[in-house]
Amino acid sequence: MDYGRKKPAIPMRLYFKLVLMFFLVSVTNNYALNFNISMPLHMIFRAGSLMANMVMGIIYLNKKYSITQYLSVGMISIGIFLCTIASSQVEPNQIEETPLSKYTDLIWWIAGIFLLTFALFLSARMGIYQEVLYKEHGKHPYEALFFMHALPMPGFLLLMQDLKKHFGILADSEPVYIFDYGIPVMILFLVGNVITQYVCISSVFVLTTECTSLTVTLVLTLRKFVSLLLSIVYFGNAFTLTHWSGTGLVFTGTMLFSNVPGMIRDGISRKKVD
């Protein structure tokens, strides 16, 4: 066995840079929920990762894009803007407000939007960085998966109080009896989340070695669409006509960006030839 003796295929100094970005993105995205950000808004805003990835590709890789792709990015940007404005109107109505609390909530909400924006572009930069690493050092998805999640763990010691507080909330949740043994329902949800996250994240790391950062971002954007619909149904969040319009723009823009209409036309043409 080579435990502890095998040299990483990608130098550790490069992993540390990647891990720092991963840690900041993870913590910032989760922390934004403390700033009057609803879960649907959180998911829709992160759907703009396609736009952010394109911007980073232009800046760091000197990539060129077509007019259709620029148009699709515009649609995505407008869609996120509509959903953001609609959510800012919905959130204050959840509690009885005074003029002072209204402006305080608005300030916190703007801070949450800033955190989401920071995480959005840093995540795109991380995707570009991964793409470059795999081109230079080869495909090593499971090595990257291990180091990306093992190395940041000491950083979570800084959040120990917050972690203890929320674990206490989980432990105090209503019990579910399995074979006459009571288990807090939120603990079961946590276990289920860990299992599904492992399946999802490990698949994403394999995908990053086979596709460009932009293609990976497209797949993840479509996954967020499904998560968005499930969130609306499960949490009962308000979802207005403006939200639906914005969501439609975001994902129609995504389809245009990936040239889905062109692929459909090519497929029909090949069938006619055959």
C-alpha atoms as a PDB file:
ATOM      1  CA  MET A   1       0.000   0.000   0.000  1.00  0.00           C
ATOM      2  CA  ASP A   2       1.141   3.567  -0.765  1.00  0.00           C
ATOM      3  CA  TYR A   3      -0.698   5.341   2.064  1.00  0.00           C
ATOM      4  CA  GLY A   4       1.313   8.413   3.030  1.00  0.00           C
ATOM      5  CA  ARG A   5       4.083   7.621   0.519  1.00  0.00           C
ATOM      6  CA  LYS A   6       2.626   8.355  -2.914  1.00  0.00           C
ATOM      7  CA  LYS A   7       3.517  11.800  -4.228  1.00  0.00           C
ATOM      8  CA  PRO A   8       0.500  13.834  -5.430  1.00  0.00           C
ATOM      9  CA  ALA A   9       0.266  14.166  -9.198  1.00  0.00           C
ATOM     10  CA  ILE A  10      -0.528  17.859  -8.757  1.00  0.00           C
ATOM     11  CA  PRO A  11       1.909  19.811  -6.508  1.00  0.00           C
ATOM     12  CA  MET A  12       0.561  20.601  -3.038  1.00  0.00           C
ATOM     13  CA  ARG A  13       1.296  24.320  -3.389  1.00  0.00           C
ATOM     14  CA  LEU A  14      -1.209  24.431  -6.253  1.00  0.00           C
ATOM     15  CA  TYR A  15      -3.766  22.496  -4.194  1.00  0.00           C
ATOM     16  CA  PHE A  16      -3.446  25.000  -1.346  1.00  0.00           C
ATOM     17  CA  LYS A  17      -4.388  27.841  -3.689  1.00  0.00           C
ATOM     18  CA  LEU A  18      -7.337  25.834  -5.000  1.00  0.00           C
ATOM     19  CA  VAL A  19      -8.405  24.855  -1.479  1.00  0.00           C
ATOM     20  CA  LEU A  20      -8.358  28.482  -0.322  1.00  0.00           C
ATOM     21  CA  MET A  21     -10.751  29.444  -3.116  1.00  0.00           C
ATOM     22  CA  PHE A  22     -12.949  26.404  -2.393  1.00  0.00           C
ATOM     23  CA  PHE A  23     -13.126  27.232   1.331  1.00  0.00           C
ATOM     24  CA  LEU A  24     -14.008  30.887   0.708  1.00  0.00           C
ATOM     25  CA  VAL A  25     -16.705  29.989  -1.832  1.00  0.00           C
ATOM     26  CA  SER A  26     -18.295  27.378   0.465  1.00  0.00           C
ATOM     27  CA  VAL A  27     -18.305  29.569   3.575  1.00  0.00           C
ATOM     28  CA  THR A  28     -19.474  32.703   1.743  1.00  0.00           C
ATOM     29  CA  ASN A  29     -22.352  30.950  -0.026  1.00  0.00           C
ATOM     30  CA  ASN A  30     -23.616  29.469   3.244  1.00  0.00           C
ATOM     31  CA  TYR A  31     -23.065  32.645   5.267  1.00  0.00           C
ATOM     32  CA  ALA A  32     -25.085  34.687   2.744  1.00  0.00           C
ATOM     33  CA  LEU A  33     -28.242  32.934   3.969  1.00  0.00           C
ATOM     34  CA  ASN A  34     -27.902  34.890   7.235  1.00  0.00           C
ATOM     35  CA  PHE A  35     -28.469  38.175   5.356  1.00  0.00           C
ATOM     36  CA  ASN A  36     -32.191  38.018   4.453  1.00  0.00           C
ATOM     37  CA  ILE A  37     -31.445  35.893   1.378  1.00  0.00           C
ATOM     38  CA  SER A  38     -34.183  33.357   0.564  1.00  0.00           C
ATOM     39  CA  MET A  39     -33.255  29.909  -0.730  1.00  0.00           C
ATOM     40  CA  PRO A  40     -34.832  30.420  -4.198  1.00  0.00           C
ATOM     41  CA  LEU A  41     -32.977  33.732  -4.621  1.00  0.00           C
ATOM     42  CA  HIS A  42     -29.782  32.026  -3.480  1.00  0.00           C
ATOM     43  CA  MET A  43     -30.195  29.313  -6.141  1.00  0.00           C
ATOM     44  CA  ILE A  44     -31.233  31.671  -8.949  1.00  0.00           C
ATOM     45  CA  PHE A  45     -28.364  34.054  -8.227  1.00  0.00           C
ATOM     46  CA  ARG A  46     -25.849  31.213  -8.369  1.00  0.00           C
ATOM     47  CA  ALA A  47     -27.309  30.220 -11.742  1.00  0.00           C
ATOM     48  CA  GLY A  48     -25.392  33.242 -13.034  1.00  0.00           C
ATOM     49  CA  SER A  49     -22.222  31.168 -12.726  1.00  0.00           C
ATOM     50  CA  LEU A  50     -22.349  30.692 -16.512  1.00  0.00           C
ATOM     51  CA  MET A  51     -21.999  34.426 -17.040  1.00  0.00           C
ATOM     52  CA  ALA A  52     -19.249  34.661 -14.427  1.00  0.00           C
ATOM     53  CA  ASN A  53     -17.379  31.760 -16.019  1.00  0.00           C
ATOM     54  CA  MET A  54     -17.471  33.469 -19.417  1.00  0.00           C
ATOM     55  CA  VAL A  55     -16.106  36.692 -17.961  1.00  0.00           C
ATOM     56  CA  MET A  56     -13.276  34.812 -16.242  1.00  0.00           C
ATOM     57  CA  GLY A  57     -12.558  32.871 -19.445  1.00  0.00           C
ATOM     58  CA  ILE A  58     -12.145  36.134 -21.342  1.00  0.00           C
ATOM     59  CA  ILE A  59      -9.905  37.642 -18.654  1.00  0.00           C
ATOM     60  CA  TYR A  60      -7.668  34.653 -17.864  1.00  0.00           C
ATOM     61  CA  LEU A  61      -7.781  32.446 -20.993  1.00  0.00           C
ATOM     62  CA  ASN A  62      -8.406  35.080 -23.713  1.00  0.00           C
ATOM     63  CA  LYS A  63     -11.420  33.146 -24.983  1.00  0.00           C
ATOM     64  CA  LYS A  64     -13.654  34.433 -27.794  1.00  0.00           C
ATOM     65  CA  TYR A  65     -17.444  34.112 -27.887  1.00  0.00           C
ATOM     66  CA  SER A  66     -20.150  34.544 -30.532  1.00  0.00           C
ATOM     67  CA  ILE A  67     -22.914  37.158 -30.670  1.00  0.00           C
ATOM     68  CA  THR A  68     -25.423  34.465 -29.662  1.00  0.00           C
ATOM     69  CA  GLN A  69     -23.393  33.657 -26.563  1.00  0.00           C
ATOM     70  CA  TYR A  70     -23.170  37.328 -25.583  1.00  0.00           C
ATOM     71  CA  LEU A  71     -26.950  37.624 -26.106  1.00  0.00           C
ATOM     72  CA  SER A  72     -27.539  34.617 -23.883  1.00  0.00           C
ATOM     73  CA  VAL A  73     -25.361  36.129 -21.160  1.00  0.00           C
ATOM     74  CA  GLY A  74     -27.461  39.293 -21.351  1.00  0.00           C
ATOM     75  CA  MET A  75     -30.627  37.232 -20.885  1.00  0.00           C
ATOM     76  CA  ILE A  76     -29.121  35.475 -17.885  1.00  0.00           C
ATOM     77  CA  SER A  77     -28.071  38.800 -16.336  1.00  0.00           C
ATOM     78  CA  ILE A  78     -31.537  40.331 -16.810  1.00  0.00           C
ATOM     79  CA  GLY A  79     -33.169  37.192 -15.411  1.00  0.00           C
ATOM     80  CA  ILE A  80     -31.063  37.324 -12.252  1.00  0.00           C
ATOM     81  CA  PHE A  81     -31.781  41.051 -11.901  1.00  0.00           C
ATOM     82  CA  LEU A  82     -35.560  40.479 -12.130  1.00  0.00           C
ATOM     83  CA  CYS A  83     -35.476  37.690  -9.562  1.00  0.00           C
ATOM     84  CA  THR A  84     -33.287  39.762  -7.245  1.00  0.00           C
ATOM     85  CA  ILE A  85     -35.656  42.743  -7.374  1.00  0.00           C
ATOM     86  CA  ALA A  86     -38.720  40.525  -6.914  1.00  0.00           C
ATOM     87  CA  SER A  87     -37.166  38.812  -3.894  1.00  0.00           C
ATOM     88  CA  SER A  88     -36.236  42.139  -2.326  1.00  0.00           C
ATOM     89  CA  GLN A  89     -39.932  43.053  -2.460  1.00  0.00           C
ATOM     90  CA  VAL A  90     -41.096  39.732  -1.017  1.00  0.00           C
ATOM     91  CA  GLU A  91     -38.674  39.386   1.890  1.00  0.00           C
ATOM     92  CA  PRO A  92     -39.713  42.443   3.994  1.00  0.00           C
ATOM     93  CA  ASN A  93     -43.346  41.289   4.099  1.00  0.00           C
ATOM     94  CA  GLN A  94     -42.501  38.254   6.185  1.00  0.00           C
ATOM     95  CA  ILE A  95     -42.463  40.251   9.423  1.00  0.00           C
ATOM     96  CA  GLU A  96     -44.133  43.369  10.769  1.00  0.00           C
ATOM     97  CA  GLU A  97     -41.804  46.285  10.091  1.00  0.00           C
ATOM     98  CA  THR A  98     -41.028  49.726  11.409  1.00  0.00           C
ATOM     99  CA  PRO A  99     -39.321  52.296   9.147  1.00  0.00           C
ATOM    100  CA  LEU A 100     -36.019  51.646  10.957  1.00  0.00           C
ATOM    101  CA  SER A 101     -36.227  47.852  10.646  1.00  0.00           C
ATOM    102  CA  LYS A 102     -37.129  48.206   6.965  1.00  0.00           C
ATOM    103  CA  TYR A 103     -33.893  50.037   6.167  1.00  0.00           C
ATOM    104  CA  THR A 104     -31.885  47.728   8.428  1.00  0.00           C
ATOM    105  CA  ASP A 105     -33.229  44.684   6.594  1.00  0.00           C
ATOM    106  CA  LEU A 106     -32.418  46.342   3.270  1.00  0.00           C
ATOM    107  CA  ILE A 107     -28.814  46.949   4.336  1.00  0.00           C
ATOM    108  CA  TRP A 108     -28.408  43.331   5.430  1.00  0.00           C
ATOM    109  CA  TRP A 109     -30.006  42.147   2.188  1.00  0.00           C
ATOM    110  CA  ILE A 110     -27.574  44.247   0.101  1.00  0.00           C
ATOM    111  CA  ALA A 111     -24.694  42.752   2.109  1.00  0.00           C
ATOM    112  CA  GLY A 112     -26.022  39.280   1.282  1.00  0.00           C
ATOM    113  CA  ILE A 113     -26.161  40.157  -2.432  1.00  0.00           C
ATOM    114  CA  PHE A 114     -22.535  41.344  -2.243  1.00  0.00           C
ATOM    115  CA  LEU A 115     -21.484  38.032  -0.638  1.00  0.00           C
ATOM    116  CA  LEU A 116     -23.284  36.046  -3.332  1.00  0.00           C
ATOM    117  CA  THR A 117     -21.608  38.113  -6.061  1.00  0.00           C
ATOM    118  CA  PHE A 118     -18.178  37.581  -4.530  1.00  0.00           C
ATOM    119  CA  ALA A 119     -18.743  33.822  -4.248  1.00  0.00           C
ATOM    120  CA  LEU A 120     -20.135  33.676  -7.796  1.00  0.00           C
ATOM    121  CA  PHE A 121     -17.031  35.126  -9.458  1.00  0.00           C
ATOM    122  CA  LEU A 122     -14.571  33.384  -7.155  1.00  0.00           C
ATOM    123  CA  SER A 123     -16.255  30.058  -7.968  1.00  0.00           C
ATOM    124  CA  ALA A 124     -15.891  30.806 -11.684  1.00  0.00           C
ATOM    125  CA  ARG A 125     -12.213  31.634 -11.178  1.00  0.00           C
ATOM    126  CA  MET A 126     -11.792  28.347  -9.325  1.00  0.00           C
ATOM    127  CA  GLY A 127     -13.321  26.451 -12.260  1.00  0.00           C
ATOM    128  CA  ILE A 128     -10.917  28.106 -14.706  1.00  0.00           C
ATOM    129  CA  TYR A 129      -8.011  27.307 -12.386  1.00  0.00           C
ATOM    130  CA  GLN A 130      -9.045  23.630 -12.214  1.00  0.00           C
ATOM    131  CA  GLU A 131      -9.264  23.450 -16.001  1.00  0.00           C
ATOM    132  CA  VAL A 132      -5.717  24.806 -16.331  1.00  0.00           C
ATOM    133  CA  LEU A 133      -4.377  22.414 -13.656  1.00  0.00           C
ATOM    134  CA  TYR A 134      -5.821  19.354 -15.390  1.00  0.00           C
ATOM    135  CA  LYS A 135      -4.388  20.444 -18.734  1.00  0.00           C
ATOM    136  CA  GLU A 136      -0.920  20.870 -17.217  1.00  0.00           C
ATOM    137  CA  HIS A 137      -0.832  17.868 -14.821  1.00  0.00           C
ATOM    138  CA  GLY A 138      -3.327  15.354 -16.230  1.00  0.00           C
ATOM    139  CA  LYS A 139      -6.680  14.013 -15.016  1.00  0.00           C
ATOM    140  CA  HIS A 140      -6.758  13.147 -11.308  1.00  0.00           C
ATOM    141  CA  PRO A 141     -10.361  13.680 -10.129  1.00  0.00           C
ATOM    142  CA  TYR A 142     -10.275  11.559  -6.957  1.00  0.00           C
ATOM    143  CA  GLU A 143      -6.970  12.976  -5.790  1.00  0.00           C
ATOM    144  CA  ALA A 144      -8.396  16.469  -6.247  1.00  0.00           C
ATOM    145  CA  LEU A 145     -11.628  15.426  -4.494  1.00  0.00           C
ATOM    146  CA  PHE A 146      -9.675  14.230  -1.446  1.00  0.00           C
ATOM    147  CA  PHE A 147      -7.361  17.226  -1.073  1.00  0.00           C
ATOM    148  CA  MET A 148     -10.096  19.768  -1.830  1.00  0.00           C
ATOM    149  CA  HIS A 149     -12.151  18.467   1.098  1.00  0.00           C
ATOM    150  CA  ALA A 150      -9.459  17.283   3.538  1.00  0.00           C
ATOM    151  CA  LEU A 151      -7.212  20.347   3.493  1.00  0.00           C
ATOM    152  CA  PRO A 152      -9.944  22.937   4.320  1.00  0.00           C
ATOM    153  CA  MET A 153     -11.120  21.049   7.427  1.00  0.00           C
ATOM    154  CA  PRO A 154      -8.845  22.907   9.910  1.00  0.00           C
ATOM    155  CA  GLY A 155     -10.346  26.160   8.636  1.00  0.00           C
ATOM    156  CA  PHE A 156     -13.739  25.147   9.968  1.00  0.00           C
ATOM    157  CA  LEU A 157     -12.330  25.325  13.494  1.00  0.00           C
ATOM    158  CA  LEU A 158     -12.811  29.081  13.097  1.00  0.00           C
ATOM    159  CA  LEU A 159     -16.541  28.370  12.802  1.00  0.00           C
ATOM    160  CA  MET A 160     -16.672  25.907  15.714  1.00  0.00           C
ATOM    161  CA  GLN A 161     -19.158  27.915  17.792  1.00  0.00           C
ATOM    162  CA  ASP A 162     -21.523  28.258  14.865  1.00  0.00           C
ATOM    163  CA  LEU A 163     -21.186  24.553  14.047  1.00  0.00           C
ATOM    164  CA  LYS A 164     -21.887  23.562  17.676  1.00  0.00           C
ATOM    165  CA  LYS A 165     -24.929  25.826  17.788  1.00  0.00           C
ATOM    166  CA  HIS A 166     -26.460  24.344  14.650  1.00  0.00           C
ATOM    167  CA  PHE A 167     -25.610  20.772  15.593  1.00  0.00           C
ATOM    168  CA  GLY A 168     -27.486  21.393  18.840  1.00  0.00           C
ATOM    169  CA  ILE A 169     -30.489  22.500  16.758  1.00  0.00           C
ATOM    170  CA  LEU A 170     -30.257  19.266  14.768  1.00  0.00           C
ATOM    171  CA  ALA A 171     -29.990  17.148  17.914  1.00  0.00           C
ATOM    172  CA  ASP A 172     -33.073  18.840  19.433  1.00  0.00           C
ATOM    173  CA  SER A 173     -35.258  18.215  16.389  1.00  0.00           C
ATOM    174  CA  GLU A 174     -38.283  15.911  16.482  1.00  0.00           C
ATOM    175  CA  PRO A 175     -37.223  12.248  16.753  1.00  0.00           C
ATOM    176  CA  VAL A 176     -38.039   9.580  14.204  1.00  0.00           C
ATOM    177  CA  TYR A 177     -38.250   6.045  15.613  1.00  0.00           C
ATOM    178  CA  ILE A 178     -36.355   3.347  13.737  1.00  0.00           C
ATOM    179  CA  PHE A 179     -36.513  -0.100  15.367  1.00  0.00           C
ATOM    180  CA  ASP A 180     -37.761   1.601  18.575  1.00  0.00           C
ATOM    181  CA  TYR A 181     -34.706   3.881  18.637  1.00  0.00           C
ATOM    182  CA  GLY A 182     -35.374   7.618  18.403  1.00  0.00           C
ATOM    183  CA  ILE A 183     -33.156   9.534  15.969  1.00  0.00           C
ATOM    184  CA  PRO A 184     -33.551  13.321  15.486  1.00  0.00           C
ATOM    185  CA  VAL A 185     -35.111  13.850  12.065  1.00  0.00           C
ATOM    186  CA  MET A 186     -32.642  16.608  11.175  1.00  0.00           C
ATOM    187  CA  ILE A 187     -29.743  14.222  11.816  1.00  0.00           C
ATOM    188  CA  LEU A 188     -31.263  11.863   9.254  1.00  0.00           C
ATOM    189  CA  PHE A 189     -31.572  14.767   6.830  1.00  0.00           C
ATOM    190  CA  LEU A 190     -27.904  15.592   7.450  1.00  0.00           C
ATOM    191  CA  VAL A 191     -26.818  12.000   6.742  1.00  0.00           C
ATOM    192  CA  GLY A 192     -28.907  11.958   3.573  1.00  0.00           C
ATOM    193  CA  ASN A 193     -27.384  15.270   2.514  1.00  0.00           C
ATOM    194  CA  VAL A 194     -23.838  13.968   3.054  1.00  0.00           C
ATOM    195  CA  ILE A 195     -24.510  10.836   0.984  1.00  0.00           C
ATOM    196  CA  THR A 196     -26.131  12.697  -1.914  1.00  0.00           C
ATOM    197  CA  GLN A 197     -23.433  15.399  -1.792  1.00  0.00           C
ATOM    198  CA  TYR A 198     -20.726  12.750  -2.098  1.00  0.00           C
ATOM    199  CA  VAL A 199     -22.395  11.220  -5.160  1.00  0.00           C
ATOM    200  CA  CYS A 200     -22.882  14.644  -6.710  1.00  0.00           C
ATOM    201  CA  ILE A 201     -19.470  16.145  -5.921  1.00  0.00           C
ATOM    202  CA  SER A 202     -17.498  13.058  -6.952  1.00  0.00           C
ATOM    203  CA  SER A 203     -19.342  13.067 -10.294  1.00  0.00           C
ATOM    204  CA  VAL A 204     -18.587  16.761 -10.759  1.00  0.00           C
ATOM    205  CA  PHE A 205     -14.873  16.216 -10.136  1.00  0.00           C
ATOM    206  CA  VAL A 206     -14.823  13.481 -12.794  1.00  0.00           C
ATOM    207  CA  LEU A 207     -16.712  15.791 -15.157  1.00  0.00           C
ATOM    208  CA  THR A 208     -14.163  18.578 -14.654  1.00  0.00           C
ATOM    209  CA  THR A 209     -11.426  16.292 -15.987  1.00  0.00           C
ATOM    210  CA  GLU A 210     -13.401  15.411 -19.123  1.00  0.00           C
ATOM    211  CA  CYS A 211     -15.011  18.738 -20.070  1.00  0.00           C
ATOM    212  CA  THR A 212     -14.179  22.425 -20.113  1.00  0.00           C
ATOM    213  CA  SER A 213     -15.052  24.611 -17.153  1.00  0.00           C
ATOM    214  CA  LEU A 214     -17.856  26.182 -19.206  1.00  0.00           C
ATOM    215  CA  THR A 215     -19.507  22.816 -19.952  1.00  0.00           C
ATOM    216  CA  VAL A 216     -19.312  21.806 -16.296  1.00  0.00           C
ATOM    217  CA  THR A 217     -20.902  25.117 -15.323  1.00  0.00           C
ATOM    218  CA  LEU A 218     -23.747  24.524 -17.783  1.00  0.00           C
ATOM    219  CA  VAL A 219     -24.504  21.094 -16.288  1.00  0.00           C
ATOM    220  CA  LEU A 220     -24.475  22.512 -12.768  1.00  0.00           C
ATOM    221  CA  THR A 221     -26.756  25.381 -13.824  1.00  0.00           C
ATOM    222  CA  LEU A 222     -29.364  22.941 -15.093  1.00  0.00           C
ATOM    223  CA  ARG A 223     -29.058  20.971 -11.855  1.00  0.00           C
ATOM    224  CA  LYS A 224     -29.776  24.181  -9.935  1.00  0.00           C
ATOM    225  CA  PHE A 225     -32.997  24.588 -11.923  1.00  0.00           C
ATOM    226  CA  VAL A 226     -34.293  21.274 -10.591  1.00  0.00           C
ATOM    227  CA  SER A 227     -33.153  22.221  -7.064  1.00  0.00           C
ATOM    228  CA  LEU A 228     -34.969  25.540  -7.403  1.00  0.00           C
ATOM    229  CA  LEU A 229     -38.289  23.886  -8.226  1.00  0.00           C
ATOM    230  CA  LEU A 230     -37.925  21.436  -5.353  1.00  0.00           C
ATOM    231  CA  SER A 231     -37.074  24.282  -2.968  1.00  0.00           C
ATOM    232  CA  ILE A 232     -40.165  26.268  -3.923  1.00  0.00           C
ATOM    233  CA  VAL A 233     -42.453  23.279  -3.348  1.00  0.00           C
ATOM    234  CA  TYR A 234     -40.800  22.032  -0.142  1.00  0.00           C
ATOM    235  CA  PHE A 235     -40.228  25.363   1.658  1.00  0.00           C
ATOM    236  CA  GLY A 236     -43.338  27.098   0.360  1.00  0.00           C
ATOM    237  CA  ASN A 237     -41.399  30.199  -0.672  1.00  0.00           C
ATOM    238  CA  ALA A 238     -43.210  32.972  -2.527  1.00  0.00           C
ATOM    239  CA  PHE A 239     -42.615  32.748  -6.273  1.00  0.00           C
ATOM    240  CA  THR A 240     -44.232  35.520  -8.303  1.00  0.00           C
ATOM    241  CA  LEU A 241     -44.721  36.008 -12.040  1.00  0.00           C
ATOM    242  CA  THR A 242     -41.585  38.149 -12.035  1.00  0.00           C
ATOM    243  CA  HIS A 243     -39.640  35.256 -10.508  1.00  0.00           C
ATOM    244  CA  TRP A 244     -40.889  32.922 -13.229  1.00  0.00           C
ATOM    245  CA  SER A 245     -40.005  35.445 -15.945  1.00  0.00           C
ATOM    246  CA  GLY A 246     -36.505  35.854 -14.546  1.00  0.00           C
ATOM    247  CA  THR A 247     -36.034  32.108 -14.206  1.00  0.00           C
ATOM    248  CA  GLY A 248     -37.203  31.581 -17.784  1.00  0.00           C
ATOM    249  CA  LEU A 249     -34.678  34.136 -19.040  1.00  0.00           C
ATOM    250  CA  VAL A 250     -31.865  32.538 -17.033  1.00  0.00           C
ATOM    251  CA  PHE A 251     -32.384  29.061 -18.391  1.00  0.00           C
ATOM    252  CA  THR A 252     -33.381  30.083 -21.943  1.00  0.00           C
ATOM    253  CA  GLY A 253     -30.135  32.034 -22.030  1.00  0.00           C
ATOM    254  CA  THR A 254     -28.317  28.928 -20.817  1.00  0.00           C
ATOM    255  CA  MET A 255     -29.778  26.886 -23.673  1.00  0.00           C
ATOM    256  CA  LEU A 256     -28.755  29.524 -26.230  1.00  0.00           C
ATOM    257  CA  PHE A 257     -25.276  29.746 -24.750  1.00  0.00           C
ATOM    258  CA  SER A 258     -24.749  25.994 -25.153  1.00  0.00           C
ATOM    259  CA  ASN A 259     -26.177  26.141 -28.711  1.00  0.00           C
ATOM    260  CA  VAL A 260     -28.937  23.620 -27.994  1.00  0.00           C
ATOM    261  CA  PRO A 261     -31.086  24.934 -30.939  1.00  0.00           C
ATOM    262  CA  GLY A 262     -28.114  24.410 -33.272  1.00  0.00           C
ATOM    263  CA  MET A 263     -27.570  20.865 -32.012  1.00  0.00           C
ATOM    264  CA  ILE A 264     -31.274  20.086 -32.531  1.00  0.00           C
ATOM    265  CA  ARG A 265     -31.119  21.437 -36.094  1.00  0.00           C
ATOM    266  CA  ASP A 266     -27.993  19.367 -36.818  1.00  0.00           C
ATOM    267  CA  GLY A 267     -29.673  16.260 -35.423  1.00  0.00           C
ATOM    268  CA  ILE A 268     -32.760  16.780 -37.624  1.00  0.00           C
ATOM    269  CA  SER A 269     -30.554  17.381 -40.676  1.00  0.00           C
ATOM    270  CA  ARG A 270     -28.616  14.149 -40.085  1.00  0.00           C
ATOM    271  CA  LYS A 271     -31.862  12.179 -39.771  1.00  0.00           C
ATOM    272  CA  LYS A 272     -33.089  13.578 -43.122  1.00  0.00           C
ATOM    273  CA  VAL A 273     -29.804  12.629 -44.799  1.00  0.00           C
ATOM    274  CA  ASP A 274     -29.989   9.098 -43.380  1.00  0.00           C
END
